[in-house]
Protein backbone atom coordinates (compact mmCIF):
# COMPACT_ATOMS: atom_id res chain seq x y z
CA MET A 1 121.73 87.56 113.52
CA SER A 2 119.25 84.71 113.46
CA PRO A 3 117.19 84.18 110.29
CA ALA A 4 113.97 85.10 112.13
CA ALA A 5 115.32 88.40 113.46
CA ALA A 6 114.15 91.50 111.65
CA PRO A 7 116.83 93.81 110.25
CA ARG A 8 117.52 96.93 112.28
CA LEU A 9 115.92 100.03 110.86
CA THR A 10 117.50 103.45 110.58
CA GLY A 11 115.85 106.42 112.23
CA LEU A 12 114.52 107.67 108.91
CA GLN A 13 113.09 104.24 108.05
CA ARG A 14 111.32 104.21 111.42
CA GLN A 15 109.89 107.67 110.68
CA VAL A 16 108.53 106.46 107.34
CA LEU A 17 106.91 103.42 108.99
CA PHE A 18 105.46 105.62 111.72
CA PHE A 19 104.05 107.98 109.06
CA TYR A 20 102.57 105.04 107.10
CA ARG A 21 100.82 103.79 110.24
CA ARG A 22 99.56 107.31 110.92
CA VAL A 23 98.08 107.45 107.42
CA ILE A 24 96.33 104.10 107.87
CA ARG A 25 94.92 105.10 111.27
CA THR A 26 93.76 108.47 109.99
CA VAL A 27 92.03 106.96 106.97
CA ARG A 28 90.08 104.65 109.31
CA THR A 29 88.60 107.71 111.05
CA LEU A 30 87.15 109.12 107.83
CA PRO A 31 83.60 108.50 106.60
CA ARG A 32 83.34 105.27 104.58
CA ALA A 33 82.61 107.14 101.35
CA GLU A 34 85.97 108.90 101.50
CA ARG A 35 88.13 106.03 102.75
CA GLY A 36 88.55 104.12 99.51
CA ASP A 37 89.97 106.88 97.33
CA ILE A 38 92.29 108.25 99.98
CA SER A 39 93.48 104.80 100.99
CA ARG A 40 94.20 103.80 97.36
CA TYR A 41 95.97 107.08 96.71
CA ALA A 42 98.17 106.69 99.81
CA ARG A 43 99.02 103.08 98.93
CA ASN A 44 99.89 104.07 95.36
CA GLU A 45 102.16 106.88 96.56
CA PHE A 46 104.03 104.61 98.96
CA GLU A 47 104.40 101.99 96.21
CA ARG A 48 105.48 104.63 93.71
CA TYR A 49 108.39 105.74 95.86
CA ARG A 50 109.27 102.37 97.40
CA ASP A 51 112.51 102.02 95.46
CA VAL A 52 113.89 105.47 96.34
CA ASP A 53 117.48 105.22 97.55
CA LYS A 54 117.30 105.00 101.35
CA LYS A 55 120.38 107.20 101.59
CA ASN A 56 118.74 110.04 99.67
CA TYR A 57 117.65 111.70 102.91
CA GLN A 58 116.59 114.97 101.31
CA LEU A 59 114.17 113.25 98.95
CA VAL A 60 112.74 110.95 101.63
CA GLU A 61 112.20 113.85 104.02
CA HIS A 62 110.64 115.93 101.22
CA LEU A 63 108.24 113.11 100.37
CA MET A 64 107.26 112.74 104.02
CA ARG A 65 106.57 116.48 104.35
CA LYS A 66 104.56 116.40 101.13
CA GLY A 67 102.59 113.39 102.36
CA ALA A 68 101.90 115.03 105.71
CA ARG A 69 100.52 118.12 103.95
CA GLN A 70 98.35 115.95 101.70
CA LEU A 71 97.05 113.96 104.68
CA GLU A 72 96.25 117.16 106.53
CA LEU A 73 94.36 118.50 103.51
CA ALA A 74 92.48 115.22 102.98
CA THR A 75 91.28 115.18 106.58
CA ASP A 76 90.43 118.88 106.86
CA LYS A 77 86.74 119.28 107.73
CA ASN A 78 86.51 122.44 105.60
CA VAL A 79 87.53 120.62 102.43
CA SER A 80 84.65 119.23 100.42
CA GLY A 81 85.91 116.89 97.75
CA ILE A 82 89.39 116.01 96.65
CA SER A 83 90.45 114.96 93.20
CA PHE A 84 93.26 112.41 93.08
CA ARG A 85 94.82 112.43 89.68
CA GLN A 86 98.04 110.66 88.92
CA LEU A 87 100.50 112.86 87.07
CA GLN A 88 102.28 111.33 84.13
CA GLN A 89 105.96 110.68 84.72
CA PRO A 90 108.18 112.27 82.07
CA ALA A 91 109.61 109.71 79.67
């Protein structure tokens, strides 16, 4: 493999990247007033779980399902106002 070649991604890694792109594209379709909070929340969630073991398929799939539900809720036209609060991690 040449130094410039990107490493091959697993199917699950490709799904996560596809979902991340979907989040970014969806946020761009929202009104400007709502974009900032949702975008920051999404970025924080991806950063928060960045170091999850890539072989922990159950957790990764769970997080993707959870994220998809949250994205659906955030973009629902019938929802008026979302509060993004970060839960404290147990010590």
